Amino acid sequence: MRKSTLLAAVLCLLALAGATAARAQIMGLYYQEVEKDGRVYVFNTPERHKSFMESGEIGTAVTLIGRAEGGKTLVAENETAADLYFFKHDLPGYERAIPAPPKPPFDVSWKDGKTTIKSKNAQLAISNRVQVRLTHEDPDGGDTKDSFRIRRAKTKFEGWVYSSDLTYELQMNWADSTPLEDANINYDFTRGKKAAQLKIGRFKVPFGRQELTSSGSQQFVDRSIVSNEFAKGRDNGIQIHGQSGSGKFHWAGGVFNGAGRTASSNDNDEFQYNARIQYDILGVDKKPSEIDFDSKGEPILAIALQYESNDKFGATSGDDTDRTITGYDVMLKMGGLFAFVEAFDAEVDRESGATFDQEGIHGQIGYLFADKFDVAFRYASWDPSKSVANNDRTETGIALGYFWNKHNHKLQADFREVEDDATGASNNEFRLQYQIIF
């Protein structure tokens, strides 16, 4: 025999031996078949086979109708036993249900400008808001001036941690010289009913409807001169607040430094006290907005009363001033119509002995067409001292808004005239502002 022929024969024997060994390794698993009542039962553990032979019951099994030879039903102890049967009889395997992938430890979603990350023990919502503004000023007796500015560029983090009753809020305005706006923790003692809550940190004082309405949800490019004068916005303090089960009645009361959000601590030895109650006579005003995206033909009518007392207001001026303010507001939304009036009366007592009263009133009315286009009118009047004649300051204006996605994506323009009776000066302003929330 030639060497080449001998080598080929040896290789063939080795290949055959390898294949036989592989088949023997597979078939070396315990395997038994039993035909009974027109079915084929297969096992790959001796315990289950023995139990079946004694009781006639197989228990939990994989049943494959028509998959055994001859179209019989195959009943396998488990998937391994079924695979051994198909291998032994040279039959095609079967498709198994693919198990669902493991659920990630958190969910991520995006809606209405907010990216929300939610896990078992916490939730975080992140949003950003940018307002880019062009302003054209035309003062009496002065030169006109045009300017661009980033009015607001905010990033907000909000959510809950450990329990949905413990919520938090952190907001930065990168366009401001003092970026930190909000930093607070809120706890709901009534487990989600919002009937009695405690808030501590920095947040908006419960005073002034327009101030409590987000700057991103205004009809005009910005708030009125009356709101800016009487409602100072954010401060550091503590507040208790809540609402009724129906959501129609809201109440809040708090104690604050009284120095505003830009002060890191109290600038005197007194505090500011605030209280506000609101009742929604018709409907429920779920989220303050100066555009009627909410009423859907059903009117929403709300009234509110509020109070503020700040001893040593403006103490850093060298003439300590006590100021007490009472106010009210009325708001109506109905079928695209939005209207509201807020009024304030203040009593001012200065350390030097001067005592005088102030008052302000502000009204707006507007209408939303086809959920896209809004037109609004404003009148605001502030009297810095009722004892002095002809010193009122007034603001009148008109605003137009176009909405691609409600307040989340909009373009606004307004024209207003601000007059000062005491000086006889007036200033005309045209403002164009683009806002996006993402």
Protein backbone atom coordinates (compact mmCIF):
# COMPACT_ATOMS: atom_id res chain seq x y z
CA MET A 1 0.00 0.00 0.00
CA ARG A 2 1.31 3.36 -0.93
CA LYS A 3 2.09 5.83 1.86
CA SER A 4 -0.44 8.38 0.51
CA THR A 5 -3.23 5.83 0.48
CA LEU A 6 -2.37 4.74 4.02
CA LEU A 7 -2.36 8.34 5.25
CA ALA A 8 -5.77 9.02 3.72
CA ALA A 9 -7.22 5.93 5.38
CA VAL A 10 -5.86 6.99 8.77
CA LEU A 11 -7.35 10.48 8.42
CA CYS A 12 -10.73 9.05 7.51
CA LEU A 13 -10.68 6.79 10.57
CA LEU A 14 -9.76 9.72 12.82
CA ALA A 15 -12.58 11.87 11.42
CA LEU A 16 -15.06 9.05 11.85
CA ALA A 17 -13.88 8.47 15.40
CA GLY A 18 -14.24 12.20 16.21
CA ALA A 19 -17.78 12.34 14.87
CA THR A 20 -18.72 9.20 16.74
CA ALA A 21 -17.22 10.61 19.93
CA ALA A 22 -19.18 13.87 19.56
CA ARG A 23 -22.40 11.97 18.99
CA ALA A 24 -21.63 9.71 21.91
CA GLN A 25 -20.96 12.76 24.10
CA ILE A 26 -24.35 14.21 23.24
CA MET A 27 -26.12 10.91 23.55
CA GLY A 28 -24.28 10.32 26.80
CA LEU A 29 -26.92 12.51 28.54
CA TYR A 30 -29.64 10.52 30.28
CA TYR A 31 -32.42 10.00 27.78
CA GLN A 32 -35.52 7.84 27.67
CA GLU A 33 -38.54 7.67 25.36
CA VAL A 34 -41.90 6.24 26.31
CA GLU A 35 -44.89 5.96 23.94
CA LYS A 36 -48.24 6.00 25.69
CA ASP A 37 -51.77 6.75 24.53
CA GLY A 38 -50.57 8.04 21.14
CA ARG A 39 -48.02 10.40 22.67
CA VAL A 40 -44.27 10.28 22.95
CA TYR A 41 -42.87 11.12 26.39
CA VAL A 42 -39.16 11.93 26.66
CA PHE A 43 -36.97 12.40 29.73
CA ASN A 44 -33.41 13.46 30.47
CA THR A 45 -33.37 12.80 34.24
CA PRO A 46 -33.82 9.35 35.76
CA GLU A 47 -35.88 10.72 38.65
CA ARG A 48 -38.63 12.14 36.41
CA HIS A 49 -38.60 8.99 34.25
CA LYS A 50 -38.98 6.75 37.28
CA SER A 51 -41.78 8.91 38.71
CA PHE A 52 -43.64 8.76 35.38
CA MET A 53 -43.33 5.01 35.14
CA GLU A 54 -44.73 4.62 38.64
CA SER A 55 -47.53 7.22 38.56
CA GLY A 56 -48.24 7.81 34.89
CA GLU A 57 -48.04 11.58 35.50
CA ILE A 58 -45.25 13.72 34.08
CA GLY A 59 -46.06 16.99 35.83
CA THR A 60 -44.74 20.22 34.33
CA ALA A 61 -43.64 19.56 30.77
CA VAL A 62 -43.10 20.98 27.28
CA THR A 63 -45.95 19.84 25.02
CA LEU A 64 -45.44 20.09 21.24
CA ILE A 65 -48.48 18.94 19.26
CA GLY A 66 -47.67 17.01 16.06
CA ARG A 67 -43.90 17.40 16.44
CA ALA A 68 -43.00 13.74 17.19
CA GLU A 69 -42.50 11.22 14.41
CA GLY A 70 -45.69 10.23 12.67
CA GLY A 71 -47.39 13.49 13.69
CA LYS A 72 -47.69 12.41 17.28
CA THR A 73 -47.66 14.82 20.21
CA LEU A 74 -44.32 15.16 21.93
CA VAL A 75 -44.35 15.65 25.70
CA ALA A 76 -40.86 16.50 26.99
CA GLU A 77 -39.71 16.74 30.57
CA ASN A 78 -37.94 19.96 29.62
CA GLU A 79 -36.42 21.73 26.64
CA THR A 80 -33.24 19.66 26.86
CA ALA A 81 -35.22 16.43 26.55
CA ALA A 82 -37.04 17.84 23.52
CA ASP A 83 -33.73 18.85 21.90
CA LEU A 84 -32.34 15.33 22.46
CA TYR A 85 -35.41 13.81 20.81
CA PHE A 86 -35.11 16.01 17.73
CA PHE A 87 -31.36 15.31 17.49
CA LYS A 88 -31.82 11.57 17.81
CA HIS A 89 -34.49 11.44 15.12
CA ASP A 90 -32.87 14.03 12.85
CA LEU A 91 -35.86 16.32 13.11
CA PRO A 92 -35.75 20.13 12.92
CA GLY A 93 -35.77 21.98 16.24
CA TYR A 94 -38.58 24.24 17.37
CA GLU A 95 -38.84 27.97 17.91
CA ARG A 96 -38.83 29.00 21.53
CA ALA A 97 -40.40 32.15 22.93
CA ILE A 98 -37.67 34.76 23.29
CA PRO A 99 -37.57 35.96 26.87
CA ALA A 100 -38.19 39.66 27.37
CA PRO A 101 -35.00 41.64 27.90
CA PRO A 102 -34.37 42.64 31.49
CA LYS A 103 -36.02 45.92 32.43
CA PRO A 104 -33.50 48.70 32.98
CA PRO A 105 -33.28 50.11 36.51
CA PHE A 106 -34.73 53.44 35.34
CA ASP A 107 -36.99 54.92 32.65
CA VAL A 108 -36.15 57.94 30.49
CA SER A 109 -38.82 59.95 28.69
CA TRP A 110 -39.27 63.38 27.12
CA LYS A 111 -42.46 65.43 27.05
CA ASP A 112 -43.28 69.15 26.76
CA GLY A 113 -39.71 70.31 27.15
CA LYS A 114 -38.82 68.03 30.07
CA THR A 115 -36.50 65.04 30.12
CA THR A 116 -37.63 62.78 32.97
CA ILE A 117 -35.50 60.05 34.53
CA LYS A 118 -37.43 57.79 36.89
CA SER A 119 -36.19 54.96 39.08
CA LYS A 120 -37.68 53.05 41.99
CA ASN A 121 -36.56 55.55 44.62
CA ALA A 122 -36.24 58.86 42.77
CA GLN A 123 -37.40 60.96 39.85
CA LEU A 124 -35.55 63.78 38.11
CA ALA A 125 -37.00 66.11 35.46
CA ILE A 126 -34.62 68.42 33.59
CA SER A 127 -35.74 71.37 31.47
CA ASN A 128 -34.12 74.42 29.91
CA ARG A 129 -35.67 77.74 28.90
CA VAL A 130 -34.13 80.44 26.73
CA GLN A 131 -35.62 83.86 25.97
CA VAL A 132 -33.88 85.96 23.32
CA ARG A 133 -35.14 89.54 23.13
CA LEU A 134 -34.83 92.59 20.89
CA THR A 135 -35.85 95.90 22.49
CA HIS A 136 -36.41 99.23 20.73
CA GLU A 137 -36.67 102.19 23.14
CA ASP A 138 -37.93 105.64 22.16
CA PRO A 139 -37.89 107.93 25.22
CA ASP A 140 -39.23 111.49 25.17
CA GLY A 141 -36.39 113.94 24.68
CA GLY A 142 -33.83 111.18 24.24
CA ASP A 143 -32.21 109.08 21.57
CA THR A 144 -33.74 105.84 20.40
CA LYS A 145 -31.85 102.70 21.30
CA ASP A 146 -31.95 99.14 20.02
CA SER A 147 -30.45 96.21 21.87
CA PHE A 148 -30.37 92.42 21.91
CA ARG A 149 -30.22 90.49 25.15
CA ILE A 150 -30.65 87.04 26.61
CA ARG A 151 -33.46 87.89 29.01
CA ARG A 152 -33.50 84.46 30.62
CA ALA A 153 -31.49 81.27 30.18
CA LYS A 154 -32.66 78.81 32.79
CA THR A 155 -31.94 75.21 33.73
CA LYS A 156 -34.32 73.52 36.12
CA PHE A 157 -34.01 70.26 38.04
CA GLU A 158 -37.09 68.99 39.85
CA GLY A 159 -38.54 65.74 41.08
CA TRP A 160 -38.74 63.56 44.17
CA VAL A 161 -36.38 61.38 46.16
CA TYR A 162 -36.96 58.42 48.55
CA SER A 163 -40.72 59.08 48.39
CA SER A 164 -43.01 60.96 46.02
CA ASP A 165 -44.04 63.03 49.04
CA LEU A 166 -40.53 64.53 49.30
CA THR A 167 -40.00 66.78 46.29
CA TYR A 168 -37.21 69.16 45.38
CA GLU A 169 -36.51 72.03 42.99
CA LEU A 170 -33.27 73.61 41.80
CA GLN A 171 -33.28 76.33 39.15
CA MET A 172 -30.48 78.46 37.73
CA ASN A 173 -30.80 81.55 35.53
CA TRP A 174 -27.47 81.74 33.69
CA ALA A 175 -28.32 85.19 32.29
CA ASP A 176 -28.46 86.70 35.80
CA SER A 177 -25.55 88.02 37.84
CA THR A 178 -26.91 85.94 40.74
CA PRO A 179 -27.74 82.67 38.93
CA LEU A 180 -29.38 80.69 41.75
CA GLU A 181 -33.15 81.27 41.64
CA ASP A 182 -34.75 78.28 43.33
CA ALA A 183 -33.38 75.73 45.78
CA ASN A 184 -35.98 74.11 48.00
CA ILE A 185 -37.36 70.93 49.51
CA ASN A 186 -41.10 70.28 49.92
CA TYR A 187 -42.79 67.58 52.00
CA ASP A 188 -46.43 66.52 51.71
CA PHE A 189 -47.69 65.32 55.08
CA THR A 190 -50.91 64.01 53.51
CA ARG A 191 -49.31 61.40 51.21
CA GLY A 192 -50.07 62.86 47.81
CA LYS A 193 -53.28 64.72 48.69
CA LYS A 194 -51.38 68.06 48.91
CA ALA A 195 -53.61 69.17 51.78
CA ALA A 196 -50.76 70.12 54.14
CA GLN A 197 -47.21 70.69 52.96
CA LEU A 198 -44.01 72.25 54.21
CA LYS A 199 -41.48 73.99 51.96
CA ILE A 200 -38.07 75.32 52.98
CA GLY A 201 -35.30 77.02 51.02
CA ARG A 202 -35.49 79.61 48.26
CA PHE A 203 -38.66 79.94 46.20
CA LYS A 204 -41.36 82.40 45.20
CA VAL A 205 -43.11 84.17 48.04
CA PRO A 206 -46.90 83.47 47.90
CA PHE A 207 -47.84 86.95 46.75
CA GLY A 208 -49.04 88.40 43.42
CA ARG A 209 -50.83 86.42 40.71
CA GLN A 210 -48.66 87.65 37.87
CA GLU A 211 -45.49 87.07 39.88
CA LEU A 212 -46.60 83.54 40.73
CA THR A 213 -47.21 82.91 37.03
CA SER A 214 -43.96 81.78 35.42
CA SER A 215 -42.13 84.33 33.29
CA GLY A 216 -42.38 81.72 30.54
CA SER A 217 -46.21 81.74 30.67
CA GLN A 218 -46.91 85.46 30.23
CA GLN A 219 -49.04 87.16 27.58
CA PHE A 220 -46.69 90.12 27.38
CA VAL A 221 -42.95 89.82 27.01
CA ASP A 222 -42.61 90.62 30.73
CA ARG A 223 -44.56 91.50 33.85
CA SER A 224 -46.19 94.90 34.48
CA ILE A 225 -44.71 97.81 36.45
CA VAL A 226 -47.28 97.18 39.20
CA SER A 227 -46.32 93.52 39.64
CA ASN A 228 -42.64 94.42 39.67
CA GLU A 229 -43.20 97.04 42.38
CA PHE A 230 -45.39 95.15 44.84
CA ALA A 231 -44.49 91.48 44.27
CA LYS A 232 -40.76 91.03 44.72
CA GLY A 233 -40.64 87.35 43.87
CA ARG A 234 -38.20 84.89 45.40
CA ASP A 235 -36.77 84.89 48.90
CA ASN A 236 -35.28 82.53 51.48
CA GLY A 237 -37.66 81.18 54.08
CA ILE A 238 -40.17 78.57 55.17
CA GLN A 239 -43.77 78.07 54.09
CA ILE A 240 -46.75 75.90 54.93
CA HIS A 241 -49.32 75.46 52.18
CA GLY A 242 -51.98 73.15 50.82
CA GLN A 243 -55.16 72.70 48.84
CA SER A 244 -58.56 71.08 49.17
CA GLY A 245 -59.26 67.64 47.77
CA SER A 246 -61.06 69.12 44.77
CA GLY A 247 -58.17 71.48 44.07
CA LYS A 248 -60.46 74.51 44.24
CA PHE A 249 -59.11 76.04 47.42
CA HIS A 250 -55.43 76.94 47.89
CA TRP A 251 -53.73 78.45 50.91
CA ALA A 252 -50.16 79.40 51.81
CA GLY A 253 -48.36 81.26 54.59
CA GLY A 254 -44.67 81.80 55.18
CA VAL A 255 -41.85 83.60 56.93
CA PHE A 256 -38.98 85.03 54.86
CA ASN A 257 -35.86 87.13 55.23
CA GLY A 258 -37.49 90.00 53.34
CA ALA A 259 -34.25 90.96 51.61
CA GLY A 260 -34.94 89.26 48.26
CA ARG A 261 -33.23 86.34 46.59
CA THR A 262 -29.98 88.18 45.86
CA ALA A 263 -29.20 88.50 49.59
CA SER A 264 -27.51 85.46 51.12
CA SER A 265 -28.86 86.27 54.60
CA ASN A 266 -31.26 88.60 56.40
CA ASP A 267 -30.09 92.22 56.35
CA ASN A 268 -31.81 93.14 59.64
CA ASP A 269 -33.38 91.62 62.75
CA GLU A 270 -36.93 91.37 61.35
CA PHE A 271 -38.72 88.97 58.99
CA GLN A 272 -41.23 89.28 56.17
CA TYR A 273 -44.59 87.52 56.59
CA ASN A 274 -46.80 86.46 53.69
CA ALA A 275 -50.18 84.80 53.32
CA ARG A 276 -52.38 84.04 50.31
CA ILE A 277 -55.68 82.21 49.80
CA GLN A 278 -57.27 81.42 46.45
CA TYR A 279 -60.65 79.95 45.60
CA ASP A 280 -61.54 78.67 42.15
CA ILE A 281 -65.23 79.48 41.88
CA LEU A 282 -65.60 77.75 38.53
CA GLY A 283 -63.33 75.00 37.27
CA VAL A 284 -59.82 74.42 38.57
CA ASP A 285 -56.84 76.56 37.65
CA LYS A 286 -54.32 73.70 37.57
CA LYS A 287 -51.30 75.62 36.27
CA PRO A 288 -51.07 79.43 36.16
CA SER A 289 -50.89 80.67 32.58
CA GLU A 290 -51.87 83.96 30.96
CA ILE A 291 -53.01 82.15 27.80
CA ASP A 292 -56.18 80.07 27.86
CA PHE A 293 -54.92 76.66 26.78
CA ASP A 294 -56.89 75.05 29.62
CA SER A 295 -60.59 75.89 29.78
CA LYS A 296 -61.73 73.88 26.72
CA GLY A 297 -65.03 75.71 26.70
CA GLU A 298 -65.61 75.32 30.45
CA PRO A 299 -65.01 78.61 32.33
CA ILE A 300 -62.34 78.88 35.03
CA LEU A 301 -62.96 81.70 37.50
CA ALA A 302 -60.69 82.30 40.50
CA ILE A 303 -60.37 84.94 43.19
CA ALA A 304 -57.55 85.47 45.70
CA LEU A 305 -56.67 87.56 48.74
CA GLN A 306 -53.13 88.13 50.00
CA TYR A 307 -51.13 89.89 52.67
CA GLU A 308 -47.51 90.90 53.23
CA SER A 309 -45.79 92.56 56.17
CA ASN A 310 -42.11 93.45 56.06
CA ASP A 311 -40.62 95.34 58.98
CA LYS A 312 -37.44 97.27 58.21
CA PHE A 313 -38.07 96.93 54.47
CA GLY A 314 -35.14 98.53 52.72
CA ALA A 315 -33.12 98.77 55.95
CA THR A 316 -29.83 99.18 54.10
CA SER A 317 -30.93 102.61 52.86
CA GLY A 318 -30.30 104.15 56.29
CA ASP A 319 -34.00 104.93 56.85
CA ASP A 320 -35.72 101.77 58.08
CA THR A 321 -39.10 101.31 56.44
CA ASP A 322 -42.03 99.13 57.50
CA ARG A 323 -44.37 98.17 54.66
CA THR A 324 -47.68 96.32 54.87
CA ILE A 325 -49.44 95.31 51.65
CA THR A 326 -52.89 93.84 51.07
CA GLY A 327 -54.03 92.71 47.68
CA TYR A 328 -56.57 90.78 45.68
CA ASP A 329 -56.90 89.40 42.18
CA VAL A 330 -59.62 87.98 39.95
CA MET A 331 -58.94 85.75 36.94
CA LEU A 332 -61.17 84.35 34.19
CA LYS A 333 -60.44 81.84 31.43
CA MET A 334 -63.17 80.83 29.02
CA GLY A 335 -63.01 79.48 25.49
CA GLY A 336 -59.76 81.24 24.58
CA LEU A 337 -60.48 84.38 26.60
CA PHE A 338 -58.11 85.33 29.41
CA ALA A 339 -58.71 88.29 31.72
CA PHE A 340 -57.46 89.25 35.13
CA VAL A 341 -57.18 92.18 37.51
CA GLU A 342 -54.85 92.48 40.50
CA ALA A 343 -54.78 95.38 42.95
CA PHE A 344 -52.51 96.32 45.85
CA ASP A 345 -52.70 98.77 48.76
CA ALA A 346 -49.58 99.46 50.81
CA GLU A 347 -48.99 101.36 54.04
CA VAL A 348 -45.43 102.60 54.44
CA ASP A 349 -43.94 103.82 57.74
CA ARG A 350 -40.40 105.17 57.75
CA GLU A 351 -38.13 105.49 60.75
CA SER A 352 -37.75 109.18 59.96
CA GLY A 353 -41.46 109.63 60.73
CA ALA A 354 -42.85 109.82 57.20
CA THR A 355 -46.02 107.79 56.66
CA PHE A 356 -47.80 107.38 53.34
CA ASP A 357 -49.94 104.98 51.35
CA GLN A 358 -49.32 103.42 47.97
CA GLU A 359 -51.66 101.70 45.56
CA GLY A 360 -51.48 99.89 42.28
CA ILE A 361 -53.88 98.21 39.88
CA HIS A 362 -53.16 96.13 36.85
CA GLY A 363 -55.49 94.53 34.33
CA GLN A 364 -55.06 92.43 31.19
CA ILE A 365 -57.44 90.90 28.67
CA GLY A 366 -56.61 88.75 25.68
CA TYR A 367 -57.96 86.14 23.33
CA LEU A 368 -56.39 83.03 21.81
CA PHE A 369 -57.35 82.20 18.23
CA ALA A 370 -57.19 78.55 17.08
CA ASP A 371 -54.64 77.72 19.83
CA LYS A 372 -51.99 79.53 17.77
CA PHE A 373 -52.37 83.31 17.86
CA ASP A 374 -53.06 85.53 20.88
CA VAL A 375 -53.72 89.25 21.18
CA ALA A 376 -53.79 91.00 24.56
CA PHE A 377 -54.13 94.47 26.09
CA ARG A 378 -52.72 95.79 29.38
CA TYR A 379 -53.28 98.74 31.67
CA ALA A 380 -51.30 99.25 34.88
CA SER A 381 -51.19 102.23 37.23
CA TRP A 382 -48.97 102.74 40.28
CA ASP A 383 -49.28 105.60 42.76
CA PRO A 384 -46.06 105.69 44.85
CA SER A 385 -47.66 108.10 47.36
CA LYS A 386 -51.38 108.82 47.57
CA SER A 387 -50.67 111.99 49.53
CA VAL A 388 -48.83 113.52 46.57
CA ALA A 389 -50.89 114.69 43.61
CA ASN A 390 -50.02 113.97 39.98
CA ASN A 391 -47.25 111.45 40.58
CA ASP A 392 -48.83 108.31 39.10
CA ARG A 393 -46.91 106.02 36.77
CA THR A 394 -48.88 104.18 34.12
CA GLU A 395 -48.26 101.47 31.58
CA THR A 396 -50.46 100.76 28.57
CA GLY A 397 -49.69 98.21 25.93
CA ILE A 398 -50.70 95.62 23.36
CA ALA A 399 -49.14 92.20 22.84
CA LEU A 400 -49.20 89.59 20.09
CA GLY A 401 -48.11 85.98 20.43
CA TYR A 402 -47.69 83.03 18.07
CA PHE A 403 -47.41 79.51 19.49
CA TRP A 404 -45.90 76.50 17.77
CA ASN A 405 -46.20 74.36 20.91
CA LYS A 406 -47.99 76.42 23.55
CA HIS A 407 -45.53 78.21 25.86
CA ASN A 408 -42.80 75.68 25.07
CA HIS A 409 -42.10 77.24 21.69
CA LYS A 410 -43.43 80.71 20.92
CA LEU A 411 -42.74 84.15 19.46
CA GLN A 412 -44.02 87.27 21.22
CA ALA A 413 -44.09 90.97 20.48
CA ASP A 414 -45.46 93.85 22.49
CA PHE A 415 -45.60 97.61 22.38
CA ARG A 416 -46.01 99.60 25.58
CA GLU A 417 -45.87 103.19 26.80
CA VAL A 418 -44.70 103.95 30.34
CA GLU A 419 -45.53 107.44 31.60
CA ASP A 420 -44.42 109.22 34.78
CA ASP A 421 -46.77 112.07 35.73
CA ALA A 422 -44.31 113.46 38.28
CA THR A 423 -41.61 114.12 35.69
CA GLY A 424 -43.78 114.33 32.60
CA ALA A 425 -41.50 111.80 30.92
CA SER A 426 -42.66 108.84 28.88
CA ASN A 427 -40.92 105.97 27.20
CA ASN A 428 -42.18 103.89 24.28
CA GLU A 429 -40.89 100.37 23.92
CA PHE A 430 -41.23 97.70 21.27
CA ARG A 431 -40.08 94.25 22.37
CA LEU A 432 -39.75 91.09 20.30
CA GLN A 433 -38.96 87.84 22.11
CA TYR A 434 -38.43 84.23 21.07
CA GLN A 435 -38.79 81.48 23.68
CA ILE A 436 -37.98 77.80 23.57
CA ILE A 437 -38.23 75.26 26.38
CA PHE A 438 -36.37 71.99 25.89
